[in-house]
Amino acid sequence: MYGTATVTVYDDCDEPVPGALVSGTFTGDFNGVTASGATDRAGVAVLRTPAPAKKPTFNFILDPVVAP
């Protein structure tokens, strides 16, 4: 299984933010693996590890989001 983190970004009016830059670091079985991407029209970014692990346990530590 790959490590996957789904991040949804909303503005202060509770509207989705497309084009926000999202990045962070996986921990646990994917310790130190970083991932980044941009949110889609719905304000969602799906970040995934480049390699799988067998029955992984992990967390994702989100860096500050950069809004467009």
PDB file of N, CA and C in Angstrom:
ATOM      1  N   MET A   1       0.839  -1.182   0.000  1.00  0.00           N
ATOM      2  CA  MET A   1       0.000   0.000   0.000  1.00  0.00           C
ATOM      3  C   MET A   1       0.885   1.245   0.000  1.00  0.00           C
ATOM      4  N   TYR A   2       0.423   2.224  -0.721  1.00  0.00           N
ATOM      5  CA  TYR A   2       1.098   3.516  -0.734  1.00  0.00           C
ATOM      6  C   TYR A   2       0.579   4.361   0.423  1.00  0.00           C
ATOM      7  N   GLY A   3       1.385   5.299   0.863  1.00  0.00           N
ATOM      8  CA  GLY A   3       0.921   6.273   1.833  1.00  0.00           C
ATOM      9  C   GLY A   3       0.199   7.373   1.061  1.00  0.00           C
ATOM     10  N   THR A   4      -1.018   7.699   1.471  1.00  0.00           N
ATOM     11  CA  THR A   4      -1.792   8.726   0.794  1.00  0.00           C
ATOM     12  C   THR A   4      -2.349   9.703   1.816  1.00  0.00           C
ATOM     13  N   ALA A   5      -2.198  10.986   1.521  1.00  0.00           N
ATOM     14  CA  ALA A   5      -2.770  12.035   2.359  1.00  0.00           C
ATOM     15  C   ALA A   5      -3.657  12.900   1.472  1.00  0.00           C
ATOM     16  N   THR A   6      -4.905  13.064   1.868  1.00  0.00           N
ATOM     17  CA  THR A   6      -5.831  13.922   1.140  1.00  0.00           C
ATOM     18  C   THR A   6      -6.037  15.191   1.955  1.00  0.00           C
ATOM     19  N   VAL A   7      -5.727  16.329   1.336  1.00  0.00           N
ATOM     20  CA  VAL A   7      -5.809  17.623   2.019  1.00  0.00           C
ATOM     21  C   VAL A   7      -6.815  18.494   1.276  1.00  0.00           C
ATOM     22  N   THR A   8      -7.776  19.040   2.004  1.00  0.00           N
ATOM     23  CA  THR A   8      -8.747  19.966   1.421  1.00  0.00           C
ATOM     24  C   THR A   8      -8.530  21.345   2.029  1.00  0.00           C
ATOM     25  N   VAL A   9      -8.429  22.353   1.160  1.00  0.00           N
ATOM     26  CA  VAL A   9      -8.151  23.727   1.602  1.00  0.00           C
ATOM     27  C   VAL A   9      -9.380  24.590   1.342  1.00  0.00           C
ATOM     28  N   TYR A  10      -9.827  25.279   2.397  1.00  0.00           N
ATOM     29  CA  TYR A  10     -10.944  26.216   2.309  1.00  0.00           C
ATOM     30  C   TYR A  10     -10.476  27.603   2.712  1.00  0.00           C
ATOM     31  N   ASP A  11     -11.095  28.638   2.141  1.00  0.00           N
ATOM     32  CA  ASP A  11     -10.778  30.002   2.547  1.00  0.00           C
ATOM     33  C   ASP A  11     -11.613  30.395   3.765  1.00  0.00           C
ATOM     34  N   ASP A  12     -11.498  31.649   4.183  1.00  0.00           N
ATOM     35  CA  ASP A  12     -12.204  32.095   5.392  1.00  0.00           C
ATOM     36  C   ASP A  12     -13.721  32.215   5.204  1.00  0.00           C
ATOM     37  N   CYS A  13     -14.193  32.070   3.956  1.00  0.00           N
ATOM     38  CA  CYS A  13     -15.636  32.055   3.687  1.00  0.00           C
ATOM     39  C   CYS A  13     -16.140  30.636   3.452  1.00  0.00           C
ATOM     40  N   ASP A  14     -15.313  29.654   3.815  1.00  0.00           N
ATOM     41  CA  ASP A  14     -15.628  28.227   3.681  1.00  0.00           C
ATOM     42  C   ASP A  14     -15.805  27.796   2.228  1.00  0.00           C
ATOM     43  N   GLU A  15     -15.095  28.470   1.312  1.00  0.00           N
ATOM     44  CA  GLU A  15     -15.084  28.116  -0.103  1.00  0.00           C
ATOM     45  C   GLU A  15     -13.798  27.359  -0.418  1.00  0.00           C
ATOM     46  N   PRO A  16     -13.831  26.353  -1.296  1.00  0.00           N
ATOM     47  CA  PRO A  16     -12.611  25.633  -1.665  1.00  0.00           C
ATOM     48  C   PRO A  16     -11.631  26.555  -2.375  1.00  0.00           C
ATOM     49  N   VAL A  17     -10.337  26.286  -2.177  1.00  0.00           N
ATOM     50  CA  VAL A  17      -9.284  27.106  -2.764  1.00  0.00           C
ATOM     51  C   VAL A  17      -8.539  26.288  -3.824  1.00  0.00           C
ATOM     52  N   PRO A  18      -8.817  26.537  -5.112  1.00  0.00           N
ATOM     53  CA  PRO A  18      -8.069  25.840  -6.156  1.00  0.00           C
ATOM     54  C   PRO A  18      -6.685  26.464  -6.332  1.00  0.00           C
ATOM     55  N   GLY A  19      -5.706  25.648  -6.683  1.00  0.00           N
ATOM     56  CA  GLY A  19      -4.364  26.148  -6.970  1.00  0.00           C
ATOM     57  C   GLY A  19      -3.494  26.427  -5.765  1.00  0.00           C
ATOM     58  N   ALA A  20      -3.930  26.036  -4.568  1.00  0.00           N
ATOM     59  CA  ALA A  20      -3.088  26.217  -3.377  1.00  0.00           C
ATOM     60  C   ALA A  20      -1.975  25.166  -3.395  1.00  0.00           C
ATOM     61  N   LEU A  21      -0.769  25.577  -3.021  1.00  0.00           N
ATOM     62  CA  LEU A  21       0.357  24.650  -2.971  1.00  0.00           C
ATOM     63  C   LEU A  21       0.407  23.989  -1.605  1.00  0.00           C
ATOM     64  N   VAL A  22       0.365  22.655  -1.605  1.00  0.00           N
ATOM     65  CA  VAL A  22       0.314  21.863  -0.388  1.00  0.00           C
ATOM     66  C   VAL A  22       1.538  20.955  -0.350  1.00  0.00           C
ATOM     67  N   SER A  23       2.209  20.897   0.797  1.00  0.00           N
ATOM     68  CA  SER A  23       3.364  20.000   0.933  1.00  0.00           C
ATOM     69  C   SER A  23       3.456  19.531   2.376  1.00  0.00           C
ATOM     70  N   GLY A  24       4.228  18.470   2.561  1.00  0.00           N
ATOM     71  CA  GLY A  24       4.408  17.951   3.904  1.00  0.00           C
ATOM     72  C   GLY A  24       5.283  16.719   3.902  1.00  0.00           C
ATOM     73  N   THR A  25       5.384  16.093   5.074  1.00  0.00           N
ATOM     74  CA  THR A  25       6.273  14.956   5.273  1.00  0.00           C
ATOM     75  C   THR A  25       5.515  13.808   5.920  1.00  0.00           C
ATOM     76  N   PHE A  26       5.716  12.627   5.369  1.00  0.00           N
ATOM     77  CA  PHE A  26       5.154  11.416   5.962  1.00  0.00           C
ATOM     78  C   PHE A  26       6.055  10.944   7.103  1.00  0.00           C
ATOM     79  N   THR A  27       5.453  10.293   8.097  1.00  0.00           N
ATOM     80  CA  THR A  27       6.197   9.727   9.224  1.00  0.00           C
ATOM     81  C   THR A  27       5.930   8.230   9.280  1.00  0.00           C
ATOM     82  N   GLY A  28       6.358   7.580  10.336  1.00  0.00           N
ATOM     83  CA  GLY A  28       6.096   6.155  10.516  1.00  0.00           C
ATOM     84  C   GLY A  28       6.850   5.324   9.496  1.00  0.00           C
ATOM     85  N   ASP A  29       6.155   4.402   8.828  1.00  0.00           N
ATOM     86  CA  ASP A  29       6.791   3.522   7.852  1.00  0.00           C
ATOM     87  C   ASP A  29       7.325   4.267   6.630  1.00  0.00           C
ATOM     88  N   PHE A  30       6.883   5.502   6.419  1.00  0.00           N
ATOM     89  CA  PHE A  30       7.374   6.330   5.312  1.00  0.00           C
ATOM     90  C   PHE A  30       8.183   7.512   5.836  1.00  0.00           C
ATOM     91  N   ASN A  31       8.842   7.330   6.970  1.00  0.00           N
ATOM     92  CA  ASN A  31       9.525   8.413   7.672  1.00  0.00           C
ATOM     93  C   ASN A  31      10.430   9.226   6.754  1.00  0.00           C
ATOM     94  N   GLY A  32      10.186  10.532   6.723  1.00  0.00           N
ATOM     95  CA  GLY A  32      11.032  11.455   5.971  1.00  0.00           C
ATOM     96  C   GLY A  32      10.665  11.625   4.511  1.00  0.00           C
ATOM     97  N   VAL A  33       9.692  10.890   4.019  1.00  0.00           N
ATOM     98  CA  VAL A  33       9.275  11.031   2.626  1.00  0.00           C
ATOM     99  C   VAL A  33       8.429  12.295   2.504  1.00  0.00           C
ATOM    100  N   THR A  34       8.801  13.169   1.584  1.00  0.00           N
ATOM    101  CA  THR A  34       8.048  14.407   1.384  1.00  0.00           C
ATOM    102  C   THR A  34       7.186  14.287   0.130  1.00  0.00           C
ATOM    103  N   ALA A  35       6.118  15.054   0.102  1.00  0.00           N
ATOM    104  CA  ALA A  35       5.225  15.076  -1.053  1.00  0.00           C
ATOM    105  C   ALA A  35       4.651  16.475  -1.175  1.00  0.00           C
ATOM    106  N   SER A  36       4.337  16.866  -2.388  1.00  0.00           N
ATOM    107  CA  SER A  36       3.732  18.175  -2.606  1.00  0.00           C
ATOM    108  C   SER A  36       2.835  18.124  -3.835  1.00  0.00           C
ATOM    109  N   GLY A  37       1.948  19.086  -3.916  1.00  0.00           N
ATOM    110  CA  GLY A  37       1.038  19.175  -5.049  1.00  0.00           C
ATOM    111  C   GLY A  37       0.162  20.402  -4.914  1.00  0.00           C
ATOM    112  N   ALA A  38      -0.698  20.598  -5.883  1.00  0.00           N
ATOM    113  CA  ALA A  38      -1.613  21.738  -5.874  1.00  0.00           C
ATOM    114  C   ALA A  38      -3.045  21.228  -5.750  1.00  0.00           C
ATOM    115  N   THR A  39      -3.889  22.043  -5.149  1.00  0.00           N
ATOM    116  CA  THR A  39      -5.289  21.672  -5.015  1.00  0.00           C
ATOM    117  C   THR A  39      -6.013  21.819  -6.353  1.00  0.00           C
ATOM    118  N   ASP A  40      -7.030  20.978  -6.550  1.00  0.00           N
ATOM    119  CA  ASP A  40      -7.836  21.042  -7.763  1.00  0.00           C
ATOM    120  C   ASP A  40      -8.964  22.054  -7.590  1.00  0.00           C
ATOM    121  N   ARG A  41      -9.919  22.059  -8.519  1.00  0.00           N
ATOM    122  CA  ARG A  41     -11.024  23.023  -8.463  1.00  0.00           C
ATOM    123  C   ARG A  41     -11.867  22.892  -7.206  1.00  0.00           C
ATOM    124  N   ALA A  42     -11.866  21.699  -6.612  1.00  0.00           N
ATOM    125  CA  ALA A  42     -12.627  21.463  -5.379  1.00  0.00           C
ATOM    126  C   ALA A  42     -11.803  21.761  -4.129  1.00  0.00           C
ATOM    127  N   GLY A  43     -10.566  22.254  -4.308  1.00  0.00           N
ATOM    128  CA  GLY A  43      -9.704  22.572  -3.170  1.00  0.00           C
ATOM    129  C   GLY A  43      -9.020  21.355  -2.573  1.00  0.00           C
ATOM    130  N   VAL A  44      -8.953  20.253  -3.332  1.00  0.00           N
ATOM    131  CA  VAL A  44      -8.413  18.993  -2.819  1.00  0.00           C
ATOM    132  C   VAL A  44      -7.069  18.662  -3.483  1.00  0.00           C
ATOM    133  N   ALA A  45      -6.104  18.283  -2.654  1.00  0.00           N
ATOM    134  CA  ALA A  45      -4.819  17.769  -3.138  1.00  0.00           C
ATOM    135  C   ALA A  45      -4.629  16.374  -2.548  1.00  0.00           C
ATOM    136  N   VAL A  46      -4.264  15.417  -3.391  1.00  0.00           N
ATOM    137  CA  VAL A  46      -4.005  14.053  -2.938  1.00  0.00           C
ATOM    138  C   VAL A  46      -2.505  13.806  -3.091  1.00  0.00           C
ATOM    139  N   LEU A  47      -1.836  13.580  -1.966  1.00  0.00           N
ATOM    140  CA  LEU A  47      -0.388  13.392  -1.948  1.00  0.00           C
ATOM    141  C   LEU A  47      -0.092  11.932  -1.644  1.00  0.00           C
ATOM    142  N   ARG A  48       0.845  11.352  -2.385  1.00  0.00           N
ATOM    143  CA  ARG A  48       1.104   9.922  -2.266  1.00  0.00           C
ATOM    144  C   ARG A  48       2.601   9.654  -2.229  1.00  0.00           C
ATOM    145  N   THR A  49       2.983   8.641  -1.490  1.00  0.00           N
ATOM    146  CA  THR A  49       4.387   8.246  -1.443  1.00  0.00           C
ATOM    147  C   THR A  49       4.781   7.622  -2.783  1.00  0.00           C
ATOM    148  N   PRO A  50       6.051   7.735  -3.162  1.00  0.00           N
ATOM    149  CA  PRO A  50       6.482   7.167  -4.438  1.00  0.00           C
ATOM    150  C   PRO A  50       6.612   5.641  -4.416  1.00  0.00           C
ATOM    151  N   ALA A  51       6.729   5.054  -3.244  1.00  0.00           N
ATOM    152  CA  ALA A  51       6.897   3.600  -3.133  1.00  0.00           C
ATOM    153  C   ALA A  51       5.938   3.055  -2.078  1.00  0.00           C
ATOM    154  N   PRO A  52       5.484   1.836  -2.260  1.00  0.00           N
ATOM    155  CA  PRO A  52       4.572   1.226  -1.287  1.00  0.00           C
ATOM    156  C   PRO A  52       5.329   0.591  -0.125  1.00  0.00           C
ATOM    157  N   ALA A  53       4.587   0.239   0.906  1.00  0.00           N
ATOM    158  CA  ALA A  53       5.104  -0.523   2.043  1.00  0.00           C
ATOM    159  C   ALA A  53       4.040  -1.560   2.405  1.00  0.00           C
ATOM    160  N   LYS A  54       4.471  -2.611   3.058  1.00  0.00           N
ATOM    161  CA  LYS A  54       3.540  -3.667   3.447  1.00  0.00           C
ATOM    162  C   LYS A  54       2.859  -3.284   4.759  1.00  0.00           C
ATOM    163  N   LYS A  55       1.538  -3.178   4.749  1.00  0.00           N
ATOM    164  CA  LYS A  55       0.736  -2.815   5.924  1.00  0.00           C
ATOM    165  C   LYS A  55       1.321  -1.606   6.668  1.00  0.00           C
ATOM    166  N   PRO A  56       1.459  -0.468   5.989  1.00  0.00           N
ATOM    167  CA  PRO A  56       2.096   0.688   6.610  1.00  0.00           C
ATOM    168  C   PRO A  56       1.220   1.373   7.662  1.00  0.00           C
ATOM    169  N   THR A  57       1.902   1.958   8.612  1.00  0.00           N
ATOM    170  CA  THR A  57       1.267   2.896   9.544  1.00  0.00           C
ATOM    171  C   THR A  57       2.057   4.196   9.421  1.00  0.00           C
ATOM    172  N   PHE A  58       1.343   5.304   9.355  1.00  0.00           N
ATOM    173  CA  PHE A  58       2.017   6.579   9.127  1.00  0.00           C
ATOM    174  C   PHE A  58       1.095   7.739   9.476  1.00  0.00           C
ATOM    175  N   ASN A  59       1.696   8.901   9.581  1.00  0.00           N
ATOM    176  CA  ASN A  59       0.995  10.173   9.696  1.00  0.00           C
ATOM    177  C   ASN A  59       1.536  11.081   8.614  1.00  0.00           C
ATOM    178  N   PHE A  60       0.853  12.190   8.379  1.00  0.00           N
ATOM    179  CA  PHE A  60       1.329  13.191   7.423  1.00  0.00           C
ATOM    180  C   PHE A  60       1.364  14.523   8.128  1.00  0.00           C
ATOM    181  N   ILE A  61       2.532  15.157   8.131  1.00  0.00           N
ATOM    182  CA  ILE A  61       2.699  16.454   8.791  1.00  0.00           C
ATOM    183  C   ILE A  61       2.643  17.527   7.687  1.00  0.00           C
ATOM    184  N   LEU A  62       1.620  18.331   7.729  1.00  0.00           N
ATOM    185  CA  LEU A  62       1.367  19.343   6.712  1.00  0.00           C
ATOM    186  C   LEU A  62       2.209  20.588   6.972  1.00  0.00           C
ATOM    187  N   ASP A  63       2.892  21.072   5.917  1.00  0.00           N
ATOM    188  CA  ASP A  63       3.608  22.339   5.980  1.00  0.00           C
ATOM    189  C   ASP A  63       2.584  23.464   5.782  1.00  0.00           C
ATOM    190  N   PRO A  64       2.979  24.714   6.044  1.00  0.00           N
ATOM    191  CA  PRO A  64       2.051  25.821   5.766  1.00  0.00           C
ATOM    192  C   PRO A  64       1.623  25.807   4.294  1.00  0.00           C
ATOM    193  N   VAL A  65       0.344  26.014   4.057  1.00  0.00           N
ATOM    194  CA  VAL A  65      -0.218  26.022   2.708  1.00  0.00           C
ATOM    195  C   VAL A  65       0.016  27.384   2.083  1.00  0.00           C
ATOM    196  N   VAL A  66       0.394  27.375   0.802  1.00  0.00           N
ATOM    197  CA  VAL A  66       0.630  28.625   0.070  1.00  0.00           C
ATOM    198  C   VAL A  66      -0.553  28.832  -0.870  1.00  0.00           C
ATOM    199  N   ALA A  67      -1.370  29.838  -0.554  1.00  0.00           N
ATOM    200  CA  ALA A  67      -2.555  30.126  -1.367  1.00  0.00           C
ATOM    201  C   ALA A  67      -2.145  30.889  -2.628  1.00  0.00           C
ATOM    202  N   PRO A  68      -2.920  30.714  -3.696  1.00  0.00           N
ATOM    203  CA  PRO A  68      -2.599  31.424  -4.945  1.00  0.00           C
ATOM    204  C   PRO A  68      -2.820  32.914  -4.829  1.00  0.00           C
TER     205      PRO A  68
END
